[in-house]
Amino acid sequence: MSIKIGLNIGGRRFDVDVEEKFSLFLKQQMAKDFNIEGNNDLKVLLQAYVRKNHELFTQDQKMEEIIKKFDDLG
């Protein structure tokens, strides 16, 4: 089942359909990054995008460190 989640950006409403299992996590993350009750300008959207990509970069680096440790053991 899909859940609709919406956000106002630049005076326009955008809705996305996501899997129910993912919807709670996404709502929590969006509440950290955006004004979920009001409007968000494009600068806020760009900042959230950069922040999330930095998180992915950091996770990727940590995974590579873990993989290297396992490779060194074997």
C-alpha atoms as a PDB file:
ATOM      1  CA  MET A   1       0.000   0.000   0.000  1.00  0.00           C
ATOM      2  CA  SER A   2       1.284   3.474  -0.794  1.00  0.00           C
ATOM      3  CA  ILE A   3       1.041   6.612   1.317  1.00  0.00           C
ATOM      4  CA  LYS A   4       0.924  10.137  -0.111  1.00  0.00           C
ATOM      5  CA  ILE A   5       3.321  12.652   1.443  1.00  0.00           C
ATOM      6  CA  GLY A   6       3.283  16.308   0.475  1.00  0.00           C
ATOM      7  CA  LEU A   7       5.568  19.304   0.760  1.00  0.00           C
ATOM      8  CA  ASN A   8       5.256  22.939  -0.286  1.00  0.00           C
ATOM      9  CA  ILE A   9       8.250  24.282  -2.188  1.00  0.00           C
ATOM     10  CA  GLY A  10       8.378  27.679  -3.803  1.00  0.00           C
ATOM     11  CA  GLY A  11       4.670  28.180  -3.264  1.00  0.00           C
ATOM     12  CA  ARG A  12       3.723  24.919  -4.999  1.00  0.00           C
ATOM     13  CA  ARG A  13       2.537  21.689  -3.412  1.00  0.00           C
ATOM     14  CA  PHE A  14       4.340  18.494  -4.376  1.00  0.00           C
ATOM     15  CA  ASP A  15       2.959  15.082  -3.411  1.00  0.00           C
ATOM     16  CA  VAL A  16       4.764  11.764  -3.681  1.00  0.00           C
ATOM     17  CA  ASP A  17       3.497   8.245  -3.169  1.00  0.00           C
ATOM     18  CA  VAL A  18       5.785   6.038  -1.090  1.00  0.00           C
ATOM     19  CA  GLU A  19       5.585   2.553   0.367  1.00  0.00           C
ATOM     20  CA  GLU A  20       3.851   2.450   3.731  1.00  0.00           C
ATOM     21  CA  LYS A  21       6.916   0.921   5.433  1.00  0.00           C
ATOM     22  CA  PHE A  22       9.051   3.843   4.235  1.00  0.00           C
ATOM     23  CA  SER A  23       6.516   6.595   4.928  1.00  0.00           C
ATOM     24  CA  LEU A  24       7.129   6.982   8.678  1.00  0.00           C
ATOM     25  CA  PHE A  25      10.892   7.235   8.207  1.00  0.00           C
ATOM     26  CA  LEU A  26      10.478   9.739   5.359  1.00  0.00           C
ATOM     27  CA  LYS A  27       8.061  11.883   7.368  1.00  0.00           C
ATOM     28  CA  GLN A  28      10.525  12.017  10.261  1.00  0.00           C
ATOM     29  CA  GLN A  29      13.403  12.960   7.983  1.00  0.00           C
ATOM     30  CA  MET A  30      11.367  15.593   6.163  1.00  0.00           C
ATOM     31  CA  ALA A  31      10.353  17.130   9.498  1.00  0.00           C
ATOM     32  CA  LYS A  32      14.067  17.591  10.265  1.00  0.00           C
ATOM     33  CA  ASP A  33      14.846  19.211   6.918  1.00  0.00           C
ATOM     34  CA  PHE A  34      11.738  21.187   6.002  1.00  0.00           C
ATOM     35  CA  ASN A  35       8.888  23.274   7.315  1.00  0.00           C
ATOM     36  CA  ILE A  36       6.278  20.594   6.763  1.00  0.00           C
ATOM     37  CA  GLU A  37       3.389  22.900   7.715  1.00  0.00           C
ATOM     38  CA  GLY A  38       4.348  25.840   5.512  1.00  0.00           C
ATOM     39  CA  ASN A  39       6.286  26.859   2.449  1.00  0.00           C
ATOM     40  CA  ASN A  40       9.949  26.098   1.779  1.00  0.00           C
ATOM     41  CA  ASP A  41      12.088  28.064  -0.627  1.00  0.00           C
ATOM     42  CA  LEU A  42      14.449  26.454  -3.104  1.00  0.00           C
ATOM     43  CA  LYS A  43      17.476  27.235  -0.942  1.00  0.00           C
ATOM     44  CA  VAL A  44      16.067  25.000   1.823  1.00  0.00           C
ATOM     45  CA  LEU A  45      15.540  22.213  -0.706  1.00  0.00           C
ATOM     46  CA  LEU A  46      19.116  22.516  -1.975  1.00  0.00           C
ATOM     47  CA  GLN A  47      20.508  22.518   1.568  1.00  0.00           C
ATOM     48  CA  ALA A  48      18.553  19.368   2.420  1.00  0.00           C
ATOM     49  CA  TYR A  49      19.770  17.697  -0.773  1.00  0.00           C
ATOM     50  CA  VAL A  50      23.416  18.494  -0.012  1.00  0.00           C
ATOM     51  CA  ARG A  51      23.020  17.390   3.627  1.00  0.00           C
ATOM     52  CA  LYS A  52      21.519  14.024   2.635  1.00  0.00           C
ATOM     53  CA  ASN A  53      24.212  13.441   0.013  1.00  0.00           C
ATOM     54  CA  HIS A  54      26.860  14.151   2.628  1.00  0.00           C
ATOM     55  CA  GLU A  55      25.241  11.538   4.871  1.00  0.00           C
ATOM     56  CA  LEU A  56      25.377   9.027   1.991  1.00  0.00           C
ATOM     57  CA  PHE A  57      29.014   9.914   1.319  1.00  0.00           C
ATOM     58  CA  THR A  58      29.896   9.373   4.985  1.00  0.00           C
ATOM     59  CA  GLN A  59      28.046   6.035   5.058  1.00  0.00           C
ATOM     60  CA  ASP A  60      29.827   4.938   1.894  1.00  0.00           C
ATOM     61  CA  GLN A  61      33.224   5.805   3.381  1.00  0.00           C
ATOM     62  CA  LYS A  62      32.423   3.841   6.556  1.00  0.00           C
ATOM     63  CA  MET A  63      31.325   0.838   4.498  1.00  0.00           C
ATOM     64  CA  GLU A  64      34.561   0.946   2.511  1.00  0.00           C
ATOM     65  CA  GLU A  65      36.556   1.026   5.769  1.00  0.00           C
ATOM     66  CA  ILE A  66      34.667  -2.028   7.070  1.00  0.00           C
ATOM     67  CA  ILE A  67      35.144  -3.908   3.803  1.00  0.00           C
ATOM     68  CA  LYS A  68      38.864  -3.093   3.829  1.00  0.00           C
ATOM     69  CA  LYS A  69      39.157  -4.453   7.392  1.00  0.00           C
ATOM     70  CA  PHE A  70      37.528  -7.723   6.297  1.00  0.00           C
ATOM     71  CA  ASP A  71      39.769  -7.916   3.234  1.00  0.00           C
ATOM     72  CA  ASP A  72      42.825  -7.398   5.431  1.00  0.00           C
ATOM     73  CA  LEU A  73      41.716 -10.263   7.686  1.00  0.00           C
ATOM     74  CA  GLY A  74      41.290 -12.695   4.831  1.00  0.00           C
END
